[in-house]
Amino acid sequence: QGGPMMPGEVQEFEKHRYFREAVQLRR
């Protein structure tokens, strides 16, 4: 799936409206 994100990808992902929900779902 691409391995761990790079720093720029992290910043972009954190801008997504549903990123917190996705992280919780992942857990």
mmCIF file of all heavy atoms, coordinates in Angstrom:
data_MODEL
# 
_entry.id   MODEL 
# 
loop_
_atom_site.group_PDB 
_atom_site.id 
_atom_site.type_symbol 
_atom_site.label_atom_id 
_atom_site.label_alt_id 
_atom_site.label_comp_id 
_atom_site.label_asym_id 
_atom_site.label_entity_id 
_atom_site.label_seq_id 
_atom_site.pdbx_PDB_ins_code 
_atom_site.Cartn_x 
_atom_site.Cartn_y 
_atom_site.Cartn_z 
_atom_site.occupancy 
_atom_site.B_iso_or_equiv 
_atom_site.pdbx_formal_charge 
_atom_site.auth_seq_id 
_atom_site.auth_comp_id 
_atom_site.auth_asym_id 
_atom_site.auth_atom_id 
_atom_site.pdbx_PDB_model_num 
ATOM 1   N N   . GLN A 1 1  ? 0.809   -1.220 0.000  1.00 0.00 ? 1  GLN A N   1 
ATOM 2   C CA  . GLN A 1 1  ? 0.000   0.000  0.000  1.00 0.00 ? 1  GLN A CA  1 
ATOM 3   C C   . GLN A 1 1  ? 0.845   1.274  0.000  1.00 0.00 ? 1  GLN A C   1 
ATOM 4   O O   . GLN A 1 1  ? 0.300   2.364  0.087  1.00 0.00 ? 1  GLN A O   1 
ATOM 5   C CB  . GLN A 1 1  ? -0.946  -0.022 1.199  1.00 0.00 ? 1  GLN A CB  1 
ATOM 6   C CG  . GLN A 1 1  ? -1.967  -1.144 1.096  1.00 0.00 ? 1  GLN A CG  1 
ATOM 7   C CD  . GLN A 1 1  ? -2.567  -1.570 2.428  1.00 0.00 ? 1  GLN A CD  1 
ATOM 8   O OE1 . GLN A 1 1  ? -2.068  -1.255 3.506  1.00 0.00 ? 1  GLN A OE1 1 
ATOM 9   N NE2 . GLN A 1 1  ? -3.660  -2.323 2.351  1.00 0.00 ? 1  GLN A NE2 1 
ATOM 10  N N   . GLY A 1 2  ? 2.160   1.125  -0.082 1.00 0.00 ? 2  GLY A N   1 
ATOM 11  C CA  . GLY A 1 2  ? 3.018   2.302  -0.190 1.00 0.00 ? 2  GLY A CA  1 
ATOM 12  C C   . GLY A 1 2  ? 3.923   2.565  0.994  1.00 0.00 ? 2  GLY A C   1 
ATOM 13  O O   . GLY A 1 2  ? 4.697   3.514  0.982  1.00 0.00 ? 2  GLY A O   1 
ATOM 14  N N   . GLY A 1 3  ? 3.821   1.758  2.041  1.00 0.00 ? 3  GLY A N   1 
ATOM 15  C CA  . GLY A 1 3  ? 4.668   1.946  3.210  1.00 0.00 ? 3  GLY A CA  1 
ATOM 16  C C   . GLY A 1 3  ? 4.271   3.186  4.004  1.00 0.00 ? 3  GLY A C   1 
ATOM 17  O O   . GLY A 1 3  ? 3.295   3.865  3.688  1.00 0.00 ? 3  GLY A O   1 
ATOM 18  N N   . PRO A 1 4  ? 5.038   3.489  5.049  1.00 0.00 ? 4  PRO A N   1 
ATOM 19  C CA  . PRO A 1 4  ? 4.736   4.680  5.857  1.00 0.00 ? 4  PRO A CA  1 
ATOM 20  C C   . PRO A 1 4  ? 4.760   5.947  5.005  1.00 0.00 ? 4  PRO A C   1 
ATOM 21  O O   . PRO A 1 4  ? 5.522   6.052  4.041  1.00 0.00 ? 4  PRO A O   1 
ATOM 22  C CB  . PRO A 1 4  ? 5.863   4.707  6.888  1.00 0.00 ? 4  PRO A CB  1 
ATOM 23  C CG  . PRO A 1 4  ? 6.344   3.294  6.970  1.00 0.00 ? 4  PRO A CG  1 
ATOM 24  C CD  . PRO A 1 4  ? 6.188   2.738  5.576  1.00 0.00 ? 4  PRO A CD  1 
ATOM 25  N N   . MET A 1 5  ? 3.913   6.898  5.378  1.00 0.00 ? 5  MET A N   1 
ATOM 26  C CA  . MET A 1 5  ? 3.848   8.167  4.640  1.00 0.00 ? 5  MET A CA  1 
ATOM 27  C C   . MET A 1 5  ? 5.131   8.966  4.795  1.00 0.00 ? 5  MET A C   1 
ATOM 28  O O   . MET A 1 5  ? 5.812   8.886  5.821  1.00 0.00 ? 5  MET A O   1 
ATOM 29  C CB  . MET A 1 5  ? 2.695   9.029  5.178  1.00 0.00 ? 5  MET A CB  1 
ATOM 30  C CG  . MET A 1 5  ? 1.353   8.585  4.787  1.00 0.00 ? 5  MET A CG  1 
ATOM 31  S SD  . MET A 1 5  ? 0.133   9.793  5.424  1.00 0.00 ? 5  MET A SD  1 
ATOM 32  C CE  . MET A 1 5  ? -1.323  9.156  4.636  1.00 0.00 ? 5  MET A CE  1 
ATOM 33  N N   . MET A 1 6  ? 5.384   9.776  3.801  1.00 0.00 ? 6  MET A N   1 
ATOM 34  C CA  . MET A 1 6  ? 6.452   10.770 3.865  1.00 0.00 ? 6  MET A CA  1 
ATOM 35  C C   . MET A 1 6  ? 5.864   12.016 4.540  1.00 0.00 ? 6  MET A C   1 
ATOM 36  O O   . MET A 1 6  ? 4.642   12.189 4.572  1.00 0.00 ? 6  MET A O   1 
ATOM 37  C CB  . MET A 1 6  ? 6.959   11.081 2.457  1.00 0.00 ? 6  MET A CB  1 
ATOM 38  C CG  . MET A 1 6  ? 7.499   9.862  1.709  1.00 0.00 ? 6  MET A CG  1 
ATOM 39  S SD  . MET A 1 6  ? 8.820   9.000  2.588  1.00 0.00 ? 6  MET A SD  1 
ATOM 40  C CE  . MET A 1 6  ? 10.142  10.177 2.439  1.00 0.00 ? 6  MET A CE  1 
ATOM 41  N N   . PRO A 1 7  ? 6.708   12.917 5.070  1.00 0.00 ? 7  PRO A N   1 
ATOM 42  C CA  . PRO A 1 7  ? 6.194   14.094 5.786  1.00 0.00 ? 7  PRO A CA  1 
ATOM 43  C C   . PRO A 1 7  ? 5.169   14.919 4.997  1.00 0.00 ? 7  PRO A C   1 
ATOM 44  O O   . PRO A 1 7  ? 4.155   15.341 5.558  1.00 0.00 ? 7  PRO A O   1 
ATOM 45  C CB  . PRO A 1 7  ? 7.457   14.908 6.079  1.00 0.00 ? 7  PRO A CB  1 
ATOM 46  C CG  . PRO A 1 7  ? 8.529   13.867 6.190  1.00 0.00 ? 7  PRO A CG  1 
ATOM 47  C CD  . PRO A 1 7  ? 8.172   12.827 5.159  1.00 0.00 ? 7  PRO A CD  1 
ATOM 48  N N   . GLY A 1 8  ? 5.373   15.127 3.733  1.00 0.00 ? 8  GLY A N   1 
ATOM 49  C CA  . GLY A 1 8  ? 4.405   15.885 2.935  1.00 0.00 ? 8  GLY A CA  1 
ATOM 50  C C   . GLY A 1 8  ? 3.065   15.181 2.831  1.00 0.00 ? 8  GLY A C   1 
ATOM 51  O O   . GLY A 1 8  ? 2.008   15.820 2.843  1.00 0.00 ? 8  GLY A O   1 
ATOM 52  N N   . GLU A 1 9  ? 3.109   13.848 2.747  1.00 0.00 ? 9  GLU A N   1 
ATOM 53  C CA  . GLU A 1 9  ? 1.865   13.069 2.694  1.00 0.00 ? 9  GLU A CA  1 
ATOM 54  C C   . GLU A 1 9  ? 1.110   13.172 4.023  1.00 0.00 ? 9  GLU A C   1 
ATOM 55  O O   . GLU A 1 9  ? -0.114  13.250 4.031  1.00 0.00 ? 9  GLU A O   1 
ATOM 56  C CB  . GLU A 1 9  ? 2.170   11.595 2.405  1.00 0.00 ? 9  GLU A CB  1 
ATOM 57  C CG  . GLU A 1 9  ? 2.705   11.319 1.018  1.00 0.00 ? 9  GLU A CG  1 
ATOM 58  C CD  . GLU A 1 9  ? 3.076   9.861  0.848  1.00 0.00 ? 9  GLU A CD  1 
ATOM 59  O OE1 . GLU A 1 9  ? 3.962   9.375  1.590  1.00 0.00 ? 9  GLU A OE1 1 
ATOM 60  O OE2 . GLU A 1 9  ? 2.477   9.202  -0.023 1.00 0.00 ? 9  GLU A OE2 1 
ATOM 61  N N   . VAL A 1 10 ? 1.863   13.193 5.125  1.00 0.00 ? 10 VAL A N   1 
ATOM 62  C CA  . VAL A 1 10 ? 1.245   13.333 6.443  1.00 0.00 ? 10 VAL A CA  1 
ATOM 63  C C   . VAL A 1 10 ? 0.470   14.636 6.513  1.00 0.00 ? 10 VAL A C   1 
ATOM 64  O O   . VAL A 1 10 ? -0.693  14.670 6.924  1.00 0.00 ? 10 VAL A O   1 
ATOM 65  C CB  . VAL A 1 10 ? 2.309   13.259 7.569  1.00 0.00 ? 10 VAL A CB  1 
ATOM 66  C CG1 . VAL A 1 10 ? 1.747   13.732 8.900  1.00 0.00 ? 10 VAL A CG1 1 
ATOM 67  C CG2 . VAL A 1 10 ? 2.876   11.846 7.681  1.00 0.00 ? 10 VAL A CG2 1 
ATOM 68  N N   . GLN A 1 11 ? 1.096   15.706 6.103  1.00 0.00 ? 11 GLN A N   1 
ATOM 69  C CA  . GLN A 1 11 ? 0.445   17.025 6.151  1.00 0.00 ? 11 GLN A CA  1 
ATOM 70  C C   . GLN A 1 11 ? -0.800  17.056 5.273  1.00 0.00 ? 11 GLN A C   1 
ATOM 71  O O   . GLN A 1 11 ? -1.830  17.612 5.664  1.00 0.00 ? 11 GLN A O   1 
ATOM 72  C CB  . GLN A 1 11 ? 1.424   18.116 5.730  1.00 0.00 ? 11 GLN A CB  1 
ATOM 73  C CG  . GLN A 1 11 ? 2.545   18.317 6.724  1.00 0.00 ? 11 GLN A CG  1 
ATOM 74  C CD  . GLN A 1 11 ? 3.641   19.234 6.208  1.00 0.00 ? 11 GLN A CD  1 
ATOM 75  O OE1 . GLN A 1 11 ? 3.746   19.495 5.013  1.00 0.00 ? 11 GLN A OE1 1 
ATOM 76  N NE2 . GLN A 1 11 ? 4.475   19.701 7.120  1.00 0.00 ? 11 GLN A NE2 1 
ATOM 77  N N   . GLU A 1 12 ? -0.737  16.468 4.098  1.00 0.00 ? 12 GLU A N   1 
ATOM 78  C CA  . GLU A 1 12 ? -1.899  16.443 3.208  1.00 0.00 ? 12 GLU A CA  1 
ATOM 79  C C   . GLU A 1 12 ? -3.027  15.607 3.803  1.00 0.00 ? 12 GLU A C   1 
ATOM 80  O O   . GLU A 1 12 ? -4.193  15.993 3.750  1.00 0.00 ? 12 GLU A O   1 
ATOM 81  C CB  . GLU A 1 12 ? -1.521  15.899 1.826  1.00 0.00 ? 12 GLU A CB  1 
ATOM 82  C CG  . GLU A 1 12 ? -0.850  16.914 0.934  1.00 0.00 ? 12 GLU A CG  1 
ATOM 83  C CD  . GLU A 1 12 ? -1.697  18.152 0.703  1.00 0.00 ? 12 GLU A CD  1 
ATOM 84  O OE1 . GLU A 1 12 ? -2.869  18.026 0.301  1.00 0.00 ? 12 GLU A OE1 1 
ATOM 85  O OE2 . GLU A 1 12 ? -1.182  19.260 0.954  1.00 0.00 ? 12 GLU A OE2 1 
ATOM 86  N N   . PHE A 1 13 ? -2.683  14.468 4.370  1.00 0.00 ? 13 PHE A N   1 
ATOM 87  C CA  . PHE A 1 13 ? -3.702  13.597 4.956  1.00 0.00 ? 13 PHE A CA  1 
ATOM 88  C C   . PHE A 1 13 ? -4.418  14.297 6.112  1.00 0.00 ? 13 PHE A C   1 
ATOM 89  O O   . PHE A 1 13 ? -5.636  14.190 6.253  1.00 0.00 ? 13 PHE A O   1 
ATOM 90  C CB  . PHE A 1 13 ? -3.065  12.283 5.418  1.00 0.00 ? 13 PHE A CB  1 
ATOM 91  C CG  . PHE A 1 13 ? -4.058  11.290 5.950  1.00 0.00 ? 13 PHE A CG  1 
ATOM 92  C CD1 . PHE A 1 13 ? -5.066  10.775 5.153  1.00 0.00 ? 13 PHE A CD1 1 
ATOM 93  C CD2 . PHE A 1 13 ? -3.976  10.842 7.262  1.00 0.00 ? 13 PHE A CD2 1 
ATOM 94  C CE1 . PHE A 1 13 ? -5.986  9.848  5.645  1.00 0.00 ? 13 PHE A CE1 1 
ATOM 95  C CE2 . PHE A 1 13 ? -4.884  9.919  7.762  1.00 0.00 ? 13 PHE A CE2 1 
ATOM 96  C CZ  . PHE A 1 13 ? -5.887  9.423  6.952  1.00 0.00 ? 13 PHE A CZ  1 
ATOM 97  N N   . GLU A 1 14 ? -3.671  15.016 6.930  1.00 0.00 ? 14 GLU A N   1 
ATOM 98  C CA  . GLU A 1 14 ? -4.264  15.709 8.075  1.00 0.00 ? 14 GLU A CA  1 
ATOM 99  C C   . GLU A 1 14 ? -5.241  16.807 7.659  1.00 0.00 ? 14 GLU A C   1 
ATOM 100 O O   . GLU A 1 14 ? -6.053  17.250 8.471  1.00 0.00 ? 14 GLU A O   1 
ATOM 101 C CB  . GLU A 1 14 ? -3.168  16.283 8.971  1.00 0.00 ? 14 GLU A CB  1 
ATOM 102 C CG  . GLU A 1 14 ? -2.419  15.197 9.718  1.00 0.00 ? 14 GLU A CG  1 
ATOM 103 C CD  . GLU A 1 14 ? -1.221  15.706 10.491 1.00 0.00 ? 14 GLU A CD  1 
ATOM 104 O OE1 . GLU A 1 14 ? -0.752  16.847 10.231 1.00 0.00 ? 14 GLU A OE1 1 
ATOM 105 O OE2 . GLU A 1 14 ? -0.740  14.967 11.374 1.00 0.00 ? 14 GLU A OE2 1 
ATOM 106 N N   . LYS A 1 15 ? -5.218  17.227 6.425  1.00 0.00 ? 15 LYS A N   1 
ATOM 107 C CA  . LYS A 1 15 ? -6.151  18.240 5.923  1.00 0.00 ? 15 LYS A CA  1 
ATOM 108 C C   . LYS A 1 15 ? -7.501  17.642 5.515  1.00 0.00 ? 15 LYS A C   1 
ATOM 109 O O   . LYS A 1 15 ? -8.467  18.372 5.333  1.00 0.00 ? 15 LYS A O   1 
ATOM 110 C CB  . LYS A 1 15 ? -5.551  18.962 4.712  1.00 0.00 ? 15 LYS A CB  1 
ATOM 111 C CG  . LYS A 1 15 ? -4.356  19.815 5.043  1.00 0.00 ? 15 LYS A CG  1 
ATOM 112 C CD  . LYS A 1 15 ? -3.793  20.434 3.770  1.00 0.00 ? 15 LYS A CD  1 
ATOM 113 C CE  . LYS A 1 15 ? -2.506  21.174 4.045  1.00 0.00 ? 15 LYS A CE  1 
ATOM 114 N NZ  . LYS A 1 15 ? -1.913  21.689 2.787  1.00 0.00 ? 15 LYS A NZ  1 
ATOM 115 N N   . HIS A 1 16 ? -7.545  16.331 5.364  1.00 0.00 ? 16 HIS A N   1 
ATOM 116 C CA  . HIS A 1 16 ? -8.778  15.686 4.911  1.00 0.00 ? 16 HIS A CA  1 
ATOM 117 C C   . HIS A 1 16 ? -9.852  15.792 5.988  1.00 0.00 ? 16 HIS A C   1 
ATOM 118 O O   . HIS A 1 16 ? -9.581  15.595 7.173  1.00 0.00 ? 16 HIS A O   1 
ATOM 119 C CB  . HIS A 1 16 ? -8.530  14.215 4.572  1.00 0.00 ? 16 HIS A CB  1 
ATOM 120 C CG  . HIS A 1 16 ? -9.612  13.623 3.744  1.00 0.00 ? 16 HIS A CG  1 
ATOM 121 N ND1 . HIS A 1 16 ? -10.835 13.287 4.269  1.00 0.00 ? 16 HIS A ND1 1 
ATOM 122 C CD2 . HIS A 1 16 ? -9.671  13.322 2.437  1.00 0.00 ? 16 HIS A CD2 1 
ATOM 123 C CE1 . HIS A 1 16 ? -11.601 12.803 3.316  1.00 0.00 ? 16 HIS A CE1 1 
ATOM 124 N NE2 . HIS A 1 16 ? -10.915 12.812 2.187  1.00 0.00 ? 16 HIS A NE2 1 
ATOM 125 N N   . ARG A 1 17 ? -11.049 16.092 5.580  1.00 0.00 ? 17 ARG A N   1 
ATOM 126 C CA  . ARG A 1 17 ? -12.173 16.268 6.505  1.00 0.00 ? 17 ARG A CA  1 
ATOM 127 C C   . ARG A 1 17 ? -12.370 15.054 7.422  1.00 0.00 ? 17 ARG A C   1 
ATOM 128 O O   . ARG A 1 17 ? -12.746 15.200 8.583  1.00 0.00 ? 17 ARG A O   1 
ATOM 129 C CB  . ARG A 1 17 ? -13.444 16.541 5.707  1.00 0.00 ? 17 ARG A CB  1 
ATOM 130 C CG  . ARG A 1 17 ? -14.674 16.679 6.570  1.00 0.00 ? 17 ARG A CG  1 
ATOM 131 C CD  . ARG A 1 17 ? -15.887 17.012 5.766  1.00 0.00 ? 17 ARG A CD  1 
ATOM 132 N NE  . ARG A 1 17 ? -17.047 17.049 6.638  1.00 0.00 ? 17 ARG A NE  1 
ATOM 133 C CZ  . ARG A 1 17 ? -18.271 17.186 6.206  1.00 0.00 ? 17 ARG A CZ  1 
ATOM 134 N NH1 . ARG A 1 17 ? -18.515 17.306 4.923  1.00 0.00 ? 17 ARG A NH1 1 
ATOM 135 N NH2 . ARG A 1 17 ? -19.268 17.200 7.054  1.00 0.00 ? 17 ARG A NH2 1 
ATOM 136 N N   . TYR A 1 18 ? -12.144 13.870 6.912  1.00 0.00 ? 18 TYR A N   1 
ATOM 137 C CA  . TYR A 1 18 ? -12.417 12.657 7.675  1.00 0.00 ? 18 TYR A CA  1 
ATOM 138 C C   . TYR A 1 18 ? -11.158 11.945 8.159  1.00 0.00 ? 18 TYR A C   1 
ATOM 139 O O   . TYR A 1 18 ? -11.218 10.765 8.490  1.00 0.00 ? 18 TYR A O   1 
ATOM 140 C CB  . TYR A 1 18 ? -13.281 11.703 6.837  1.00 0.00 ? 18 TYR A CB  1 
ATOM 141 C CG  . TYR A 1 18 ? -14.665 12.249 6.591  1.00 0.00 ? 18 TYR A CG  1 
ATOM 142 C CD1 . TYR A 1 18 ? -14.993 12.836 5.373  1.00 0.00 ? 18 TYR A CD1 1 
ATOM 143 C CD2 . TYR A 1 18 ? -15.643 12.199 7.573  1.00 0.00 ? 18 TYR A CD2 1 
ATOM 144 C CE1 . TYR A 1 18 ? -16.259 13.345 5.143  1.00 0.00 ? 18 TYR A CE1 1 
ATOM 145 C CE2 . TYR A 1 18 ? -16.912 12.709 7.362  1.00 0.00 ? 18 TYR A CE2 1 
ATOM 146 C CZ  . TYR A 1 18 ? -17.217 13.286 6.147  1.00 0.00 ? 18 TYR A CZ  1 
ATOM 147 O OH  . TYR A 1 18 ? -18.462 13.793 5.924  1.00 0.00 ? 18 TYR A OH  1 
ATOM 148 N N   . PHE A 1 19 ? -10.056 12.651 8.270  1.00 0.00 ? 19 PHE A N   1 
ATOM 149 C CA  . PHE A 1 19 ? -8.822  11.955 8.643  1.00 0.00 ? 19 PHE A CA  1 
ATOM 150 C C   . PHE A 1 19 ? -8.891  11.409 10.073 1.00 0.00 ? 19 PHE A C   1 
ATOM 151 O O   . PHE A 1 19 ? -8.429  10.298 10.333 1.00 0.00 ? 19 PHE A O   1 
ATOM 152 C CB  . PHE A 1 19 ? -7.583  12.826 8.378  1.00 0.00 ? 19 PHE A CB  1 
ATOM 153 C CG  . PHE A 1 19 ? -6.898  13.370 9.594  1.00 0.00 ? 19 PHE A CG  1 
ATOM 154 C CD1 . PHE A 1 19 ? -5.927  12.636 10.246 1.00 0.00 ? 19 PHE A CD1 1 
ATOM 155 C CD2 . PHE A 1 19 ? -7.213  14.634 10.089 1.00 0.00 ? 19 PHE A CD2 1 
ATOM 156 C CE1 . PHE A 1 19 ? -5.278  13.143 11.362 1.00 0.00 ? 19 PHE A CE1 1 
ATOM 157 C CE2 . PHE A 1 19 ? -6.574  15.142 11.193 1.00 0.00 ? 19 PHE A CE2 1 
ATOM 158 C CZ  . PHE A 1 19 ? -5.612  14.387 11.842 1.00 0.00 ? 19 PHE A CZ  1 
ATOM 159 N N   . ARG A 1 20 ? -9.458  12.156 11.007 1.00 0.00 ? 20 ARG A N   1 
ATOM 160 C CA  . ARG A 1 20 ? -9.545  11.664 12.392 1.00 0.00 ? 20 ARG A CA  1 
ATOM 161 C C   . ARG A 1 20 ? -10.414 10.415 12.478 1.00 0.00 ? 20 ARG A C   1 
ATOM 162 O O   . ARG A 1 20 ? -10.089 9.468  13.197 1.00 0.00 ? 20 ARG A O   1 
ATOM 163 C CB  . ARG A 1 20 ? -10.086 12.759 13.314 1.00 0.00 ? 20 ARG A CB  1 
ATOM 164 C CG  . ARG A 1 20 ? -9.066  13.821 13.641 1.00 0.00 ? 20 ARG A CG  1 
ATOM 165 C CD  . ARG A 1 20 ? -9.608  14.851 14.622 1.00 0.00 ? 20 ARG A CD  1 
ATOM 166 N NE  . ARG A 1 20 ? -8.597  15.818 14.990 1.00 0.00 ? 20 ARG A NE  1 
ATOM 167 C CZ  . ARG A 1 20 ? -8.250  16.859 14.252 1.00 0.00 ? 20 ARG A CZ  1 
ATOM 168 N NH1 . ARG A 1 20 ? -8.839  17.082 13.090 1.00 0.00 ? 20 ARG A NH1 1 
ATOM 169 N NH2 . ARG A 1 20 ? -7.298  17.690 14.656 1.00 0.00 ? 20 ARG A NH2 1 
ATOM 170 N N   . GLU A 1 21 ? -11.525 10.425 11.756 1.00 0.00 ? 21 GLU A N   1 
ATOM 171 C CA  . GLU A 1 21 ? -12.407 9.264  11.745 1.00 0.00 ? 21 GLU A CA  1 
ATOM 172 C C   . GLU A 1 21 ? -11.707 8.058  11.126 1.00 0.00 ? 21 GLU A C   1 
ATOM 173 O O   . GLU A 1 21 ? -11.852 6.932  11.598 1.00 0.00 ? 21 GLU A O   1 
ATOM 174 C CB  . GLU A 1 21 ? -13.699 9.575  10.980 1.00 0.00 ? 21 GLU A CB  1 
ATOM 175 C CG  . GLU A 1 21 ? -14.612 10.558 11.684 1.00 0.00 ? 21 GLU A CG  1 
ATOM 176 C CD  . GLU A 1 21 ? -14.318 12.028 11.381 1.00 0.00 ? 21 GLU A CD  1 
ATOM 177 O OE1 . GLU A 1 21 ? -13.221 12.345 10.846 1.00 0.00 ? 21 GLU A OE1 1 
ATOM 178 O OE2 . GLU A 1 21 ? -15.177 12.869 11.699 1.00 0.00 ? 21 GLU A OE2 1 
ATOM 179 N N   . ALA A 1 22 ? -10.939 8.309  10.082 1.00 0.00 ? 22 ALA A N   1 
ATOM 180 C CA  . ALA A 1 22 ? -10.203 7.214  9.431  1.00 0.00 ? 22 ALA A CA  1 
ATOM 181 C C   . ALA A 1 22 ? -9.165  6.618  10.377 1.00 0.00 ? 22 ALA A C   1 
ATOM 182 O O   . ALA A 1 22 ? -8.988  5.393  10.420 1.00 0.00 ? 22 ALA A O   1 
ATOM 183 C CB  . ALA A 1 22 ? -9.539  7.718  8.151  1.00 0.00 ? 22 ALA A CB  1 
ATOM 184 N N   . VAL A 1 23 ? -8.487  7.458  11.135 1.00 0.00 ? 23 VAL A N   1 
ATOM 185 C CA  . VAL A 1 23 ? -7.489  6.971  12.092 1.00 0.00 ? 23 VAL A CA  1 
ATOM 186 C C   . VAL A 1 23 ? -8.168  6.141  13.179 1.00 0.00 ? 23 VAL A C   1 
ATOM 187 O O   . VAL A 1 23 ? -7.685  5.062  13.549 1.00 0.00 ? 23 VAL A O   1 
ATOM 188 C CB  . VAL A 1 23 ? -6.675  8.143  12.684 1.00 0.00 ? 23 VAL A CB  1 
ATOM 189 C CG1 . VAL A 1 23 ? -5.840  7.695  13.874 1.00 0.00 ? 23 VAL A CG1 1 
ATOM 190 C CG2 . VAL A 1 23 ? -5.786  8.758  11.602 1.00 0.00 ? 23 VAL A CG2 1 
ATOM 191 N N   . GLN A 1 24 ? -9.302  6.614  13.682 1.00 0.00 ? 24 GLN A N   1 
ATOM 192 C CA  . GLN A 1 24 ? -10.023 5.847  14.695 1.00 0.00 ? 24 GLN A CA  1 
ATOM 193 C C   . GLN A 1 24 ? -10.493 4.504  14.129 1.00 0.00 ? 24 GLN A C   1 
ATOM 194 O O   . GLN A 1 24 ? -10.361 3.466  14.765 1.00 0.00 ? 24 GLN A O   1 
ATOM 195 C CB  . GLN A 1 24 ? -11.217 6.627  15.234 1.00 0.00 ? 24 GLN A CB  1 
ATOM 196 C CG  . GLN A 1 24 ? -11.950 5.895  16.345 1.00 0.00 ? 24 GLN A CG  1 
ATOM 197 C CD  . GLN A 1 24 ? -11.057 5.553  17.515 1.00 0.00 ? 24 GLN A CD  1 
ATOM 198 O OE1 . GLN A 1 24 ? -10.535 6.446  18.169 1.00 0.00 ? 24 GLN A OE1 1 
ATOM 199 N NE2 . GLN A 1 24 ? -10.850 4.276  17.784 1.00 0.00 ? 24 GLN A NE2 1 
ATOM 200 N N   . LEU A 1 25 ? -11.029 4.532  12.921 1.00 0.00 ? 25 LEU A N   1 
ATOM 201 C CA  . LEU A 1 25 ? -11.463 3.301  12.262 1.00 0.00 ? 25 LEU A CA  1 
ATOM 202 C C   . LEU A 1 25 ? -10.291 2.338  12.113 1.00 0.00 ? 25 LEU A C   1 
ATOM 203 O O   . LEU A 1 25 ? -10.419 1.128  12.350 1.00 0.00 ? 25 LEU A O   1 
ATOM 204 C CB  . LEU A 1 25 ? -12.087 3.623  10.906 1.00 0.00 ? 25 LEU A CB  1 
ATOM 205 C CG  . LEU A 1 25 ? -12.521 2.446  10.043 1.00 0.00 ? 25 LEU A CG  1 
ATOM 206 C CD1 . LEU A 1 25 ? -13.489 1.533  10.778 1.00 0.00 ? 25 LEU A CD1 1 
ATOM 207 C CD2 . LEU A 1 25 ? -13.141 2.962  8.756  1.00 0.00 ? 25 LEU A CD2 1 
ATOM 208 N N   . ARG A 1 26 ? -9.145  2.859  11.752 1.00 0.00 ? 26 ARG A N   1 
ATOM 209 C CA  . ARG A 1 26 ? -7.949  2.023  11.599 1.00 0.00 ? 26 ARG A CA  1 
ATOM 210 C C   . ARG A 1 26 ? -7.592  1.329  12.899 1.00 0.00 ? 26 ARG A C   1 
ATOM 211 O O   . ARG A 1 26 ? -7.221  0.155  12.927 1.00 0.00 ? 26 ARG A O   1 
ATOM 212 C CB  . ARG A 1 26 ? -6.778  2.893  11.132 1.00 0.00 ? 26 ARG A CB  1 
ATOM 213 C CG  . ARG A 1 26 ? -5.510  2.123  10.920 1.00 0.00 ? 26 ARG A CG  1 
ATOM 214 C CD  . ARG A 1 26 ? -5.579  1.397  9.624  1.00 0.00 ? 26 ARG A CD  1 
ATOM 215 N NE  . ARG A 1 26 ? -5.315  -0.009 9.794  1.00 0.00 ? 26 ARG A NE  1 
ATOM 216 C CZ  . ARG A 1 26 ? -5.466  -0.902 8.829  1.00 0.00 ? 26 ARG A CZ  1 
ATOM 217 N NH1 . ARG A 1 26 ? -5.881  -0.543 7.648  1.00 0.00 ? 26 ARG A NH1 1 
ATOM 218 N NH2 . ARG A 1 26 ? -5.201  -2.154 9.034  1.00 0.00 ? 26 ARG A NH2 1 
ATOM 219 N N   . ARG A 1 27 ? -7.700  2.061  13.985 1.00 0.00 ? 27 ARG A N   1 
ATOM 220 C CA  . ARG A 1 27 ? -7.354  1.466  15.290 1.00 0.00 ? 27 ARG A CA  1 
ATOM 221 C C   . ARG A 1 27 ? -8.332  0.341  15.652 1.00 0.00 ? 27 ARG A C   1 
ATOM 222 O O   . ARG A 1 27 ? -7.915  -0.686 16.188 1.00 0.00 ? 27 ARG A O   1 
ATOM 223 C CB  . ARG A 1 27 ? -7.293  2.543  16.360 1.00 0.00 ? 27 ARG A CB  1 
ATOM 224 C CG  . ARG A 1 27 ? -6.107  3.498  16.140 1.00 0.00 ? 27 ARG A CG  1 
ATOM 225 C CD  . ARG A 1 27 ? -5.832  4.348  17.346 1.00 0.00 ? 27 ARG A CD  1 
ATOM 226 N NE  . ARG A 1 27 ? -4.800  5.334  17.142 1.00 0.00 ? 27 ARG A NE  1 
ATOM 227 C CZ  . ARG A 1 27 ? -3.492  5.115  17.249 1.00 0.00 ? 27 ARG A CZ  1 
ATOM 228 N NH1 . ARG A 1 27 ? -3.041  3.904  17.510 1.00 0.00 ? 27 ARG A NH1 1 
ATOM 229 N NH2 . ARG A 1 27 ? -2.631  6.097  17.069 1.00 0.00 ? 27 ARG A NH2 1 
# 
